[in-house]
PDBML (XML) file of the C-alpha atoms, coordinates in Angstrom:
<?xml version="1.0" encoding="UTF-8" ?>
<PDBx:datablock datablockName="MODEL"
   xmlns:PDBx="http://pdbml.pdb.org/schema/pdbx-v50.xsd"
   xmlns:xsi="http://www.w3.org/2001/XMLSchema-instance"
   xsi:schemaLocation="http://pdbml.pdb.org/schema/pdbx-v50.xsd pdbx-v50.xsd">
   <PDBx:atom_siteCategory>
      <PDBx:atom_site id="1">
         <PDBx:B_iso_or_equiv>0.00</PDBx:B_iso_or_equiv>
         <PDBx:Cartn_x>9.872</PDBx:Cartn_x>
         <PDBx:Cartn_y>-130.950</PDBx:Cartn_y>
         <PDBx:Cartn_z>261.257</PDBx:Cartn_z>
         <PDBx:auth_asym_id>A</PDBx:auth_asym_id>
         <PDBx:auth_atom_id>CA</PDBx:auth_atom_id>
         <PDBx:auth_comp_id>ALA</PDBx:auth_comp_id>
         <PDBx:auth_seq_id>1</PDBx:auth_seq_id>
         <PDBx:group_PDB>ATOM</PDBx:group_PDB>
         <PDBx:label_alt_id xsi:nil="true" />
         <PDBx:label_asym_id>A</PDBx:label_asym_id>
         <PDBx:label_atom_id>CA</PDBx:label_atom_id>
         <PDBx:label_comp_id>ALA</PDBx:label_comp_id>
         <PDBx:label_entity_id>1</PDBx:label_entity_id>
         <PDBx:label_seq_id>1</PDBx:label_seq_id>
         <PDBx:occupancy>1.00</PDBx:occupancy>
         <PDBx:pdbx_PDB_model_num>1</PDBx:pdbx_PDB_model_num>
         <PDBx:type_symbol>C</PDBx:type_symbol>
      </PDBx:atom_site>
      <PDBx:atom_site id="2">
         <PDBx:B_iso_or_equiv>0.00</PDBx:B_iso_or_equiv>
         <PDBx:Cartn_x>11.444</PDBx:Cartn_x>
         <PDBx:Cartn_y>-131.391</PDBx:Cartn_y>
         <PDBx:Cartn_z>257.799</PDBx:Cartn_z>
         <PDBx:auth_asym_id>A</PDBx:auth_asym_id>
         <PDBx:auth_atom_id>CA</PDBx:auth_atom_id>
         <PDBx:auth_comp_id>SER</PDBx:auth_comp_id>
         <PDBx:auth_seq_id>2</PDBx:auth_seq_id>
         <PDBx:group_PDB>ATOM</PDBx:group_PDB>
         <PDBx:label_alt_id xsi:nil="true" />
         <PDBx:label_asym_id>A</PDBx:label_asym_id>
         <PDBx:label_atom_id>CA</PDBx:label_atom_id>
         <PDBx:label_comp_id>SER</PDBx:label_comp_id>
         <PDBx:label_entity_id>1</PDBx:label_entity_id>
         <PDBx:label_seq_id>2</PDBx:label_seq_id>
         <PDBx:occupancy>1.00</PDBx:occupancy>
         <PDBx:pdbx_PDB_model_num>1</PDBx:pdbx_PDB_model_num>
         <PDBx:type_symbol>C</PDBx:type_symbol>
      </PDBx:atom_site>
      <PDBx:atom_site id="3">
         <PDBx:B_iso_or_equiv>0.00</PDBx:B_iso_or_equiv>
         <PDBx:Cartn_x>9.504</PDBx:Cartn_x>
         <PDBx:Cartn_y>-130.967</PDBx:Cartn_y>
         <PDBx:Cartn_z>254.544</PDBx:Cartn_z>
         <PDBx:auth_asym_id>A</PDBx:auth_asym_id>
         <PDBx:auth_atom_id>CA</PDBx:auth_atom_id>
         <PDBx:auth_comp_id>ASP</PDBx:auth_comp_id>
         <PDBx:auth_seq_id>3</PDBx:auth_seq_id>
         <PDBx:group_PDB>ATOM</PDBx:group_PDB>
         <PDBx:label_alt_id xsi:nil="true" />
         <PDBx:label_asym_id>A</PDBx:label_asym_id>
         <PDBx:label_atom_id>CA</PDBx:label_atom_id>
         <PDBx:label_comp_id>ASP</PDBx:label_comp_id>
         <PDBx:label_entity_id>1</PDBx:label_entity_id>
         <PDBx:label_seq_id>3</PDBx:label_seq_id>
         <PDBx:occupancy>1.00</PDBx:occupancy>
         <PDBx:pdbx_PDB_model_num>1</PDBx:pdbx_PDB_model_num>
         <PDBx:type_symbol>C</PDBx:type_symbol>
      </PDBx:atom_site>
      <PDBx:atom_site id="4">
         <PDBx:B_iso_or_equiv>0.00</PDBx:B_iso_or_equiv>
         <PDBx:Cartn_x>10.847</PDBx:Cartn_x>
         <PDBx:Cartn_y>-134.006</PDBx:Cartn_y>
         <PDBx:Cartn_z>252.656</PDBx:Cartn_z>
         <PDBx:auth_asym_id>A</PDBx:auth_asym_id>
         <PDBx:auth_atom_id>CA</PDBx:auth_atom_id>
         <PDBx:auth_comp_id>ILE</PDBx:auth_comp_id>
         <PDBx:auth_seq_id>4</PDBx:auth_seq_id>
         <PDBx:group_PDB>ATOM</PDBx:group_PDB>
         <PDBx:label_alt_id xsi:nil="true" />
         <PDBx:label_asym_id>A</PDBx:label_asym_id>
         <PDBx:label_atom_id>CA</PDBx:label_atom_id>
         <PDBx:label_comp_id>ILE</PDBx:label_comp_id>
         <PDBx:label_entity_id>1</PDBx:label_entity_id>
         <PDBx:label_seq_id>4</PDBx:label_seq_id>
         <PDBx:occupancy>1.00</PDBx:occupancy>
         <PDBx:pdbx_PDB_model_num>1</PDBx:pdbx_PDB_model_num>
         <PDBx:type_symbol>C</PDBx:type_symbol>
      </PDBx:atom_site>
      <PDBx:atom_site id="5">
         <PDBx:B_iso_or_equiv>0.00</PDBx:B_iso_or_equiv>
         <PDBx:Cartn_x>12.537</PDBx:Cartn_x>
         <PDBx:Cartn_y>-137.076</PDBx:Cartn_y>
         <PDBx:Cartn_z>254.173</PDBx:Cartn_z>
         <PDBx:auth_asym_id>A</PDBx:auth_asym_id>
         <PDBx:auth_atom_id>CA</PDBx:auth_atom_id>
         <PDBx:auth_comp_id>VAL</PDBx:auth_comp_id>
         <PDBx:auth_seq_id>5</PDBx:auth_seq_id>
         <PDBx:group_PDB>ATOM</PDBx:group_PDB>
         <PDBx:label_alt_id xsi:nil="true" />
         <PDBx:label_asym_id>A</PDBx:label_asym_id>
         <PDBx:label_atom_id>CA</PDBx:label_atom_id>
         <PDBx:label_comp_id>VAL</PDBx:label_comp_id>
         <PDBx:label_entity_id>1</PDBx:label_entity_id>
         <PDBx:label_seq_id>5</PDBx:label_seq_id>
         <PDBx:occupancy>1.00</PDBx:occupancy>
         <PDBx:pdbx_PDB_model_num>1</PDBx:pdbx_PDB_model_num>
         <PDBx:type_symbol>C</PDBx:type_symbol>
      </PDBx:atom_site>
      <PDBx:atom_site id="6">
         <PDBx:B_iso_or_equiv>0.00</PDBx:B_iso_or_equiv>
         <PDBx:Cartn_x>14.611</PDBx:Cartn_x>
         <PDBx:Cartn_y>-139.508</PDBx:Cartn_y>
         <PDBx:Cartn_z>252.096</PDBx:Cartn_z>
         <PDBx:auth_asym_id>A</PDBx:auth_asym_id>
         <PDBx:auth_atom_id>CA</PDBx:auth_atom_id>
         <PDBx:auth_comp_id>VAL</PDBx:auth_comp_id>
         <PDBx:auth_seq_id>6</PDBx:auth_seq_id>
         <PDBx:group_PDB>ATOM</PDBx:group_PDB>
         <PDBx:label_alt_id xsi:nil="true" />
         <PDBx:label_asym_id>A</PDBx:label_asym_id>
         <PDBx:label_atom_id>CA</PDBx:label_atom_id>
         <PDBx:label_comp_id>VAL</PDBx:label_comp_id>
         <PDBx:label_entity_id>1</PDBx:label_entity_id>
         <PDBx:label_seq_id>6</PDBx:label_seq_id>
         <PDBx:occupancy>1.00</PDBx:occupancy>
         <PDBx:pdbx_PDB_model_num>1</PDBx:pdbx_PDB_model_num>
         <PDBx:type_symbol>C</PDBx:type_symbol>
      </PDBx:atom_site>
      <PDBx:atom_site id="7">
         <PDBx:B_iso_or_equiv>0.00</PDBx:B_iso_or_equiv>
         <PDBx:Cartn_x>15.962</PDBx:Cartn_x>
         <PDBx:Cartn_y>-142.530</PDBx:Cartn_y>
         <PDBx:Cartn_z>253.937</PDBx:Cartn_z>
         <PDBx:auth_asym_id>A</PDBx:auth_asym_id>
         <PDBx:auth_atom_id>CA</PDBx:auth_atom_id>
         <PDBx:auth_comp_id>ILE</PDBx:auth_comp_id>
         <PDBx:auth_seq_id>7</PDBx:auth_seq_id>
         <PDBx:group_PDB>ATOM</PDBx:group_PDB>
         <PDBx:label_alt_id xsi:nil="true" />
         <PDBx:label_asym_id>A</PDBx:label_asym_id>
         <PDBx:label_atom_id>CA</PDBx:label_atom_id>
         <PDBx:label_comp_id>ILE</PDBx:label_comp_id>
         <PDBx:label_entity_id>1</PDBx:label_entity_id>
         <PDBx:label_seq_id>7</PDBx:label_seq_id>
         <PDBx:occupancy>1.00</PDBx:occupancy>
         <PDBx:pdbx_PDB_model_num>1</PDBx:pdbx_PDB_model_num>
         <PDBx:type_symbol>C</PDBx:type_symbol>
      </PDBx:atom_site>
      <PDBx:atom_site id="8">
         <PDBx:B_iso_or_equiv>0.00</PDBx:B_iso_or_equiv>
         <PDBx:Cartn_x>18.028</PDBx:Cartn_x>
         <PDBx:Cartn_y>-145.588</PDBx:Cartn_y>
         <PDBx:Cartn_z>253.172</PDBx:Cartn_z>
         <PDBx:auth_asym_id>A</PDBx:auth_asym_id>
         <PDBx:auth_atom_id>CA</PDBx:auth_atom_id>
         <PDBx:auth_comp_id>GLU</PDBx:auth_comp_id>
         <PDBx:auth_seq_id>8</PDBx:auth_seq_id>
         <PDBx:group_PDB>ATOM</PDBx:group_PDB>
         <PDBx:label_alt_id xsi:nil="true" />
         <PDBx:label_asym_id>A</PDBx:label_asym_id>
         <PDBx:label_atom_id>CA</PDBx:label_atom_id>
         <PDBx:label_comp_id>GLU</PDBx:label_comp_id>
         <PDBx:label_entity_id>1</PDBx:label_entity_id>
         <PDBx:label_seq_id>8</PDBx:label_seq_id>
         <PDBx:occupancy>1.00</PDBx:occupancy>
         <PDBx:pdbx_PDB_model_num>1</PDBx:pdbx_PDB_model_num>
         <PDBx:type_symbol>C</PDBx:type_symbol>
      </PDBx:atom_site>
      <PDBx:atom_site id="9">
         <PDBx:B_iso_or_equiv>0.00</PDBx:B_iso_or_equiv>
         <PDBx:Cartn_x>16.123</PDBx:Cartn_x>
         <PDBx:Cartn_y>-148.872</PDBx:Cartn_y>
         <PDBx:Cartn_z>253.139</PDBx:Cartn_z>
         <PDBx:auth_asym_id>A</PDBx:auth_asym_id>
         <PDBx:auth_atom_id>CA</PDBx:auth_atom_id>
         <PDBx:auth_comp_id>ASP</PDBx:auth_comp_id>
         <PDBx:auth_seq_id>9</PDBx:auth_seq_id>
         <PDBx:group_PDB>ATOM</PDBx:group_PDB>
         <PDBx:label_alt_id xsi:nil="true" />
         <PDBx:label_asym_id>A</PDBx:label_asym_id>
         <PDBx:label_atom_id>CA</PDBx:label_atom_id>
         <PDBx:label_comp_id>ASP</PDBx:label_comp_id>
         <PDBx:label_entity_id>1</PDBx:label_entity_id>
         <PDBx:label_seq_id>9</PDBx:label_seq_id>
         <PDBx:occupancy>1.00</PDBx:occupancy>
         <PDBx:pdbx_PDB_model_num>1</PDBx:pdbx_PDB_model_num>
         <PDBx:type_symbol>C</PDBx:type_symbol>
      </PDBx:atom_site>
      <PDBx:atom_site id="10">
         <PDBx:B_iso_or_equiv>0.00</PDBx:B_iso_or_equiv>
         <PDBx:Cartn_x>17.888</PDBx:Cartn_x>
         <PDBx:Cartn_y>-150.435</PDBx:Cartn_y>
         <PDBx:Cartn_z>256.121</PDBx:Cartn_z>
         <PDBx:auth_asym_id>A</PDBx:auth_asym_id>
         <PDBx:auth_atom_id>CA</PDBx:auth_atom_id>
         <PDBx:auth_comp_id>ASP</PDBx:auth_comp_id>
         <PDBx:auth_seq_id>10</PDBx:auth_seq_id>
         <PDBx:group_PDB>ATOM</PDBx:group_PDB>
         <PDBx:label_alt_id xsi:nil="true" />
         <PDBx:label_asym_id>A</PDBx:label_asym_id>
         <PDBx:label_atom_id>CA</PDBx:label_atom_id>
         <PDBx:label_comp_id>ASP</PDBx:label_comp_id>
         <PDBx:label_entity_id>1</PDBx:label_entity_id>
         <PDBx:label_seq_id>10</PDBx:label_seq_id>
         <PDBx:occupancy>1.00</PDBx:occupancy>
         <PDBx:pdbx_PDB_model_num>1</PDBx:pdbx_PDB_model_num>
         <PDBx:type_symbol>C</PDBx:type_symbol>
      </PDBx:atom_site>
      <PDBx:atom_site id="11">
         <PDBx:B_iso_or_equiv>0.00</PDBx:B_iso_or_equiv>
         <PDBx:Cartn_x>18.091</PDBx:Cartn_x>
         <PDBx:Cartn_y>-147.371</PDBx:Cartn_y>
         <PDBx:Cartn_z>258.356</PDBx:Cartn_z>
         <PDBx:auth_asym_id>A</PDBx:auth_asym_id>
         <PDBx:auth_atom_id>CA</PDBx:auth_atom_id>
         <PDBx:auth_comp_id>ALA</PDBx:auth_comp_id>
         <PDBx:auth_seq_id>11</PDBx:auth_seq_id>
         <PDBx:group_PDB>ATOM</PDBx:group_PDB>
         <PDBx:label_alt_id xsi:nil="true" />
         <PDBx:label_asym_id>A</PDBx:label_asym_id>
         <PDBx:label_atom_id>CA</PDBx:label_atom_id>
         <PDBx:label_comp_id>ALA</PDBx:label_comp_id>
         <PDBx:label_entity_id>1</PDBx:label_entity_id>
         <PDBx:label_seq_id>11</PDBx:label_seq_id>
         <PDBx:occupancy>1.00</PDBx:occupancy>
         <PDBx:pdbx_PDB_model_num>1</PDBx:pdbx_PDB_model_num>
         <PDBx:type_symbol>C</PDBx:type_symbol>
      </PDBx:atom_site>
      <PDBx:atom_site id="12">
         <PDBx:B_iso_or_equiv>0.00</PDBx:B_iso_or_equiv>
         <PDBx:Cartn_x>16.614</PDBx:Cartn_x>
         <PDBx:Cartn_y>-147.691</PDBx:Cartn_y>
         <PDBx:Cartn_z>261.840</PDBx:Cartn_z>
         <PDBx:auth_asym_id>A</PDBx:auth_asym_id>
         <PDBx:auth_atom_id>CA</PDBx:auth_atom_id>
         <PDBx:auth_comp_id>ARG</PDBx:auth_comp_id>
         <PDBx:auth_seq_id>12</PDBx:auth_seq_id>
         <PDBx:group_PDB>ATOM</PDBx:group_PDB>
         <PDBx:label_alt_id xsi:nil="true" />
         <PDBx:label_asym_id>A</PDBx:label_asym_id>
         <PDBx:label_atom_id>CA</PDBx:label_atom_id>
         <PDBx:label_comp_id>ARG</PDBx:label_comp_id>
         <PDBx:label_entity_id>1</PDBx:label_entity_id>
         <PDBx:label_seq_id>12</PDBx:label_seq_id>
         <PDBx:occupancy>1.00</PDBx:occupancy>
         <PDBx:pdbx_PDB_model_num>1</PDBx:pdbx_PDB_model_num>
         <PDBx:type_symbol>C</PDBx:type_symbol>
      </PDBx:atom_site>
      <PDBx:atom_site id="13">
         <PDBx:B_iso_or_equiv>0.00</PDBx:B_iso_or_equiv>
         <PDBx:Cartn_x>13.998</PDBx:Cartn_x>
         <PDBx:Cartn_y>-145.248</PDBx:Cartn_y>
         <PDBx:Cartn_z>263.142</PDBx:Cartn_z>
         <PDBx:auth_asym_id>A</PDBx:auth_asym_id>
         <PDBx:auth_atom_id>CA</PDBx:auth_atom_id>
         <PDBx:auth_comp_id>ILE</PDBx:auth_comp_id>
         <PDBx:auth_seq_id>13</PDBx:auth_seq_id>
         <PDBx:group_PDB>ATOM</PDBx:group_PDB>
         <PDBx:label_alt_id xsi:nil="true" />
         <PDBx:label_asym_id>A</PDBx:label_asym_id>
         <PDBx:label_atom_id>CA</PDBx:label_atom_id>
         <PDBx:label_comp_id>ILE</PDBx:label_comp_id>
         <PDBx:label_entity_id>1</PDBx:label_entity_id>
         <PDBx:label_seq_id>13</PDBx:label_seq_id>
         <PDBx:occupancy>1.00</PDBx:occupancy>
         <PDBx:pdbx_PDB_model_num>1</PDBx:pdbx_PDB_model_num>
         <PDBx:type_symbol>C</PDBx:type_symbol>
      </PDBx:atom_site>
      <PDBx:atom_site id="14">
         <PDBx:B_iso_or_equiv>0.00</PDBx:B_iso_or_equiv>
         <PDBx:Cartn_x>12.562</PDBx:Cartn_x>
         <PDBx:Cartn_y>-145.367</PDBx:Cartn_y>
         <PDBx:Cartn_z>266.622</PDBx:Cartn_z>
         <PDBx:auth_asym_id>A</PDBx:auth_asym_id>
         <PDBx:auth_atom_id>CA</PDBx:auth_atom_id>
         <PDBx:auth_comp_id>GLY</PDBx:auth_comp_id>
         <PDBx:auth_seq_id>14</PDBx:auth_seq_id>
         <PDBx:group_PDB>ATOM</PDBx:group_PDB>
         <PDBx:label_alt_id xsi:nil="true" />
         <PDBx:label_asym_id>A</PDBx:label_asym_id>
         <PDBx:label_atom_id>CA</PDBx:label_atom_id>
         <PDBx:label_comp_id>GLY</PDBx:label_comp_id>
         <PDBx:label_entity_id>1</PDBx:label_entity_id>
         <PDBx:label_seq_id>14</PDBx:label_seq_id>
         <PDBx:occupancy>1.00</PDBx:occupancy>
         <PDBx:pdbx_PDB_model_num>1</PDBx:pdbx_PDB_model_num>
         <PDBx:type_symbol>C</PDBx:type_symbol>
      </PDBx:atom_site>
      <PDBx:atom_site id="15">
         <PDBx:B_iso_or_equiv>0.00</PDBx:B_iso_or_equiv>
         <PDBx:Cartn_x>12.032</PDBx:Cartn_x>
         <PDBx:Cartn_y>-143.765</PDBx:Cartn_y>
         <PDBx:Cartn_z>270.000</PDBx:Cartn_z>
         <PDBx:auth_asym_id>A</PDBx:auth_asym_id>
         <PDBx:auth_atom_id>CA</PDBx:auth_atom_id>
         <PDBx:auth_comp_id>SER</PDBx:auth_comp_id>
         <PDBx:auth_seq_id>15</PDBx:auth_seq_id>
         <PDBx:group_PDB>ATOM</PDBx:group_PDB>
         <PDBx:label_alt_id xsi:nil="true" />
         <PDBx:label_asym_id>A</PDBx:label_asym_id>
         <PDBx:label_atom_id>CA</PDBx:label_atom_id>
         <PDBx:label_comp_id>SER</PDBx:label_comp_id>
         <PDBx:label_entity_id>1</PDBx:label_entity_id>
         <PDBx:label_seq_id>15</PDBx:label_seq_id>
         <PDBx:occupancy>1.00</PDBx:occupancy>
         <PDBx:pdbx_PDB_model_num>1</PDBx:pdbx_PDB_model_num>
         <PDBx:type_symbol>C</PDBx:type_symbol>
      </PDBx:atom_site>
      <PDBx:atom_site id="16">
         <PDBx:B_iso_or_equiv>0.00</PDBx:B_iso_or_equiv>
         <PDBx:Cartn_x>13.594</PDBx:Cartn_x>
         <PDBx:Cartn_y>-146.105</PDBx:Cartn_y>
         <PDBx:Cartn_z>272.590</PDBx:Cartn_z>
         <PDBx:auth_asym_id>A</PDBx:auth_asym_id>
         <PDBx:auth_atom_id>CA</PDBx:auth_atom_id>
         <PDBx:auth_comp_id>PRO</PDBx:auth_comp_id>
         <PDBx:auth_seq_id>16</PDBx:auth_seq_id>
         <PDBx:group_PDB>ATOM</PDBx:group_PDB>
         <PDBx:label_alt_id xsi:nil="true" />
         <PDBx:label_asym_id>A</PDBx:label_asym_id>
         <PDBx:label_atom_id>CA</PDBx:label_atom_id>
         <PDBx:label_comp_id>PRO</PDBx:label_comp_id>
         <PDBx:label_entity_id>1</PDBx:label_entity_id>
         <PDBx:label_seq_id>16</PDBx:label_seq_id>
         <PDBx:occupancy>1.00</PDBx:occupancy>
         <PDBx:pdbx_PDB_model_num>1</PDBx:pdbx_PDB_model_num>
         <PDBx:type_symbol>C</PDBx:type_symbol>
      </PDBx:atom_site>
      <PDBx:atom_site id="17">
         <PDBx:B_iso_or_equiv>0.00</PDBx:B_iso_or_equiv>
         <PDBx:Cartn_x>13.467</PDBx:Cartn_x>
         <PDBx:Cartn_y>-143.411</PDBx:Cartn_y>
         <PDBx:Cartn_z>275.267</PDBx:Cartn_z>
         <PDBx:auth_asym_id>A</PDBx:auth_asym_id>
         <PDBx:auth_atom_id>CA</PDBx:auth_atom_id>
         <PDBx:auth_comp_id>GLU</PDBx:auth_comp_id>
         <PDBx:auth_seq_id>17</PDBx:auth_seq_id>
         <PDBx:group_PDB>ATOM</PDBx:group_PDB>
         <PDBx:label_alt_id xsi:nil="true" />
         <PDBx:label_asym_id>A</PDBx:label_asym_id>
         <PDBx:label_atom_id>CA</PDBx:label_atom_id>
         <PDBx:label_comp_id>GLU</PDBx:label_comp_id>
         <PDBx:label_entity_id>1</PDBx:label_entity_id>
         <PDBx:label_seq_id>17</PDBx:label_seq_id>
         <PDBx:occupancy>1.00</PDBx:occupancy>
         <PDBx:pdbx_PDB_model_num>1</PDBx:pdbx_PDB_model_num>
         <PDBx:type_symbol>C</PDBx:type_symbol>
      </PDBx:atom_site>
      <PDBx:atom_site id="18">
         <PDBx:B_iso_or_equiv>0.00</PDBx:B_iso_or_equiv>
         <PDBx:Cartn_x>9.685</PDBx:Cartn_x>
         <PDBx:Cartn_y>-143.959</PDBx:Cartn_y>
         <PDBx:Cartn_z>275.335</PDBx:Cartn_z>
         <PDBx:auth_asym_id>A</PDBx:auth_asym_id>
         <PDBx:auth_atom_id>CA</PDBx:auth_atom_id>
         <PDBx:auth_comp_id>ALA</PDBx:auth_comp_id>
         <PDBx:auth_seq_id>18</PDBx:auth_seq_id>
         <PDBx:group_PDB>ATOM</PDBx:group_PDB>
         <PDBx:label_alt_id xsi:nil="true" />
         <PDBx:label_asym_id>A</PDBx:label_asym_id>
         <PDBx:label_atom_id>CA</PDBx:label_atom_id>
         <PDBx:label_comp_id>ALA</PDBx:label_comp_id>
         <PDBx:label_entity_id>1</PDBx:label_entity_id>
         <PDBx:label_seq_id>18</PDBx:label_seq_id>
         <PDBx:occupancy>1.00</PDBx:occupancy>
         <PDBx:pdbx_PDB_model_num>1</PDBx:pdbx_PDB_model_num>
         <PDBx:type_symbol>C</PDBx:type_symbol>
      </PDBx:atom_site>
      <PDBx:atom_site id="19">
         <PDBx:B_iso_or_equiv>0.00</PDBx:B_iso_or_equiv>
         <PDBx:Cartn_x>10.431</PDBx:Cartn_x>
         <PDBx:Cartn_y>-147.120</PDBx:Cartn_y>
         <PDBx:Cartn_z>277.333</PDBx:Cartn_z>
         <PDBx:auth_asym_id>A</PDBx:auth_asym_id>
         <PDBx:auth_atom_id>CA</PDBx:auth_atom_id>
         <PDBx:auth_comp_id>ARG</PDBx:auth_comp_id>
         <PDBx:auth_seq_id>19</PDBx:auth_seq_id>
         <PDBx:group_PDB>ATOM</PDBx:group_PDB>
         <PDBx:label_alt_id xsi:nil="true" />
         <PDBx:label_asym_id>A</PDBx:label_asym_id>
         <PDBx:label_atom_id>CA</PDBx:label_atom_id>
         <PDBx:label_comp_id>ARG</PDBx:label_comp_id>
         <PDBx:label_entity_id>1</PDBx:label_entity_id>
         <PDBx:label_seq_id>19</PDBx:label_seq_id>
         <PDBx:occupancy>1.00</PDBx:occupancy>
         <PDBx:pdbx_PDB_model_num>1</PDBx:pdbx_PDB_model_num>
         <PDBx:type_symbol>C</PDBx:type_symbol>
      </PDBx:atom_site>
      <PDBx:atom_site id="20">
         <PDBx:B_iso_or_equiv>0.00</PDBx:B_iso_or_equiv>
         <PDBx:Cartn_x>11.549</PDBx:Cartn_x>
         <PDBx:Cartn_y>-145.138</PDBx:Cartn_y>
         <PDBx:Cartn_z>280.357</PDBx:Cartn_z>
         <PDBx:auth_asym_id>A</PDBx:auth_asym_id>
         <PDBx:auth_atom_id>CA</PDBx:auth_atom_id>
         <PDBx:auth_comp_id>ALA</PDBx:auth_comp_id>
         <PDBx:auth_seq_id>20</PDBx:auth_seq_id>
         <PDBx:group_PDB>ATOM</PDBx:group_PDB>
         <PDBx:label_alt_id xsi:nil="true" />
         <PDBx:label_asym_id>A</PDBx:label_asym_id>
         <PDBx:label_atom_id>CA</PDBx:label_atom_id>
         <PDBx:label_comp_id>ALA</PDBx:label_comp_id>
         <PDBx:label_entity_id>1</PDBx:label_entity_id>
         <PDBx:label_seq_id>20</PDBx:label_seq_id>
         <PDBx:occupancy>1.00</PDBx:occupancy>
         <PDBx:pdbx_PDB_model_num>1</PDBx:pdbx_PDB_model_num>
         <PDBx:type_symbol>C</PDBx:type_symbol>
      </PDBx:atom_site>
      <PDBx:atom_site id="21">
         <PDBx:B_iso_or_equiv>0.00</PDBx:B_iso_or_equiv>
         <PDBx:Cartn_x>11.521</PDBx:Cartn_x>
         <PDBx:Cartn_y>-141.398</PDBx:Cartn_y>
         <PDBx:Cartn_z>279.859</PDBx:Cartn_z>
         <PDBx:auth_asym_id>A</PDBx:auth_asym_id>
         <PDBx:auth_atom_id>CA</PDBx:auth_atom_id>
         <PDBx:auth_comp_id>LEU</PDBx:auth_comp_id>
         <PDBx:auth_seq_id>21</PDBx:auth_seq_id>
         <PDBx:group_PDB>ATOM</PDBx:group_PDB>
         <PDBx:label_alt_id xsi:nil="true" />
         <PDBx:label_asym_id>A</PDBx:label_asym_id>
         <PDBx:label_atom_id>CA</PDBx:label_atom_id>
         <PDBx:label_comp_id>LEU</PDBx:label_comp_id>
         <PDBx:label_entity_id>1</PDBx:label_entity_id>
         <PDBx:label_seq_id>21</PDBx:label_seq_id>
         <PDBx:occupancy>1.00</PDBx:occupancy>
         <PDBx:pdbx_PDB_model_num>1</PDBx:pdbx_PDB_model_num>
         <PDBx:type_symbol>C</PDBx:type_symbol>
      </PDBx:atom_site>
      <PDBx:atom_site id="22">
         <PDBx:B_iso_or_equiv>0.00</PDBx:B_iso_or_equiv>
         <PDBx:Cartn_x>8.939</PDBx:Cartn_x>
         <PDBx:Cartn_y>-139.815</PDBx:Cartn_y>
         <PDBx:Cartn_z>277.563</PDBx:Cartn_z>
         <PDBx:auth_asym_id>A</PDBx:auth_asym_id>
         <PDBx:auth_atom_id>CA</PDBx:auth_atom_id>
         <PDBx:auth_comp_id>GLY</PDBx:auth_comp_id>
         <PDBx:auth_seq_id>22</PDBx:auth_seq_id>
         <PDBx:group_PDB>ATOM</PDBx:group_PDB>
         <PDBx:label_alt_id xsi:nil="true" />
         <PDBx:label_asym_id>A</PDBx:label_asym_id>
         <PDBx:label_atom_id>CA</PDBx:label_atom_id>
         <PDBx:label_comp_id>GLY</PDBx:label_comp_id>
         <PDBx:label_entity_id>1</PDBx:label_entity_id>
         <PDBx:label_seq_id>22</PDBx:label_seq_id>
         <PDBx:occupancy>1.00</PDBx:occupancy>
         <PDBx:pdbx_PDB_model_num>1</PDBx:pdbx_PDB_model_num>
         <PDBx:type_symbol>C</PDBx:type_symbol>
      </PDBx:atom_site>
      <PDBx:atom_site id="23">
         <PDBx:B_iso_or_equiv>0.00</PDBx:B_iso_or_equiv>
         <PDBx:Cartn_x>8.435</PDBx:Cartn_x>
         <PDBx:Cartn_y>-139.090</PDBx:Cartn_y>
         <PDBx:Cartn_z>273.901</PDBx:Cartn_z>
         <PDBx:auth_asym_id>A</PDBx:auth_asym_id>
         <PDBx:auth_atom_id>CA</PDBx:auth_atom_id>
         <PDBx:auth_comp_id>PHE</PDBx:auth_comp_id>
         <PDBx:auth_seq_id>23</PDBx:auth_seq_id>
         <PDBx:group_PDB>ATOM</PDBx:group_PDB>
         <PDBx:label_alt_id xsi:nil="true" />
         <PDBx:label_asym_id>A</PDBx:label_asym_id>
         <PDBx:label_atom_id>CA</PDBx:label_atom_id>
         <PDBx:label_comp_id>PHE</PDBx:label_comp_id>
         <PDBx:label_entity_id>1</PDBx:label_entity_id>
         <PDBx:label_seq_id>23</PDBx:label_seq_id>
         <PDBx:occupancy>1.00</PDBx:occupancy>
         <PDBx:pdbx_PDB_model_num>1</PDBx:pdbx_PDB_model_num>
         <PDBx:type_symbol>C</PDBx:type_symbol>
      </PDBx:atom_site>
      <PDBx:atom_site id="24">
         <PDBx:B_iso_or_equiv>0.00</PDBx:B_iso_or_equiv>
         <PDBx:Cartn_x>9.345</PDBx:Cartn_x>
         <PDBx:Cartn_y>-136.586</PDBx:Cartn_y>
         <PDBx:Cartn_z>271.234</PDBx:Cartn_z>
         <PDBx:auth_asym_id>A</PDBx:auth_asym_id>
         <PDBx:auth_atom_id>CA</PDBx:auth_atom_id>
         <PDBx:auth_comp_id>GLU</PDBx:auth_comp_id>
         <PDBx:auth_seq_id>24</PDBx:auth_seq_id>
         <PDBx:group_PDB>ATOM</PDBx:group_PDB>
         <PDBx:label_alt_id xsi:nil="true" />
         <PDBx:label_asym_id>A</PDBx:label_asym_id>
         <PDBx:label_atom_id>CA</PDBx:label_atom_id>
         <PDBx:label_comp_id>GLU</PDBx:label_comp_id>
         <PDBx:label_entity_id>1</PDBx:label_entity_id>
         <PDBx:label_seq_id>24</PDBx:label_seq_id>
         <PDBx:occupancy>1.00</PDBx:occupancy>
         <PDBx:pdbx_PDB_model_num>1</PDBx:pdbx_PDB_model_num>
         <PDBx:type_symbol>C</PDBx:type_symbol>
      </PDBx:atom_site>
   </PDBx:atom_siteCategory>
</PDBx:datablock>
């Protein structure tokens, strides 16, 4: 939903709830 995203190199992005619940 944001316009610009700046992230650190070793951050972790994911959707583990997709394994048992649903998605975003």
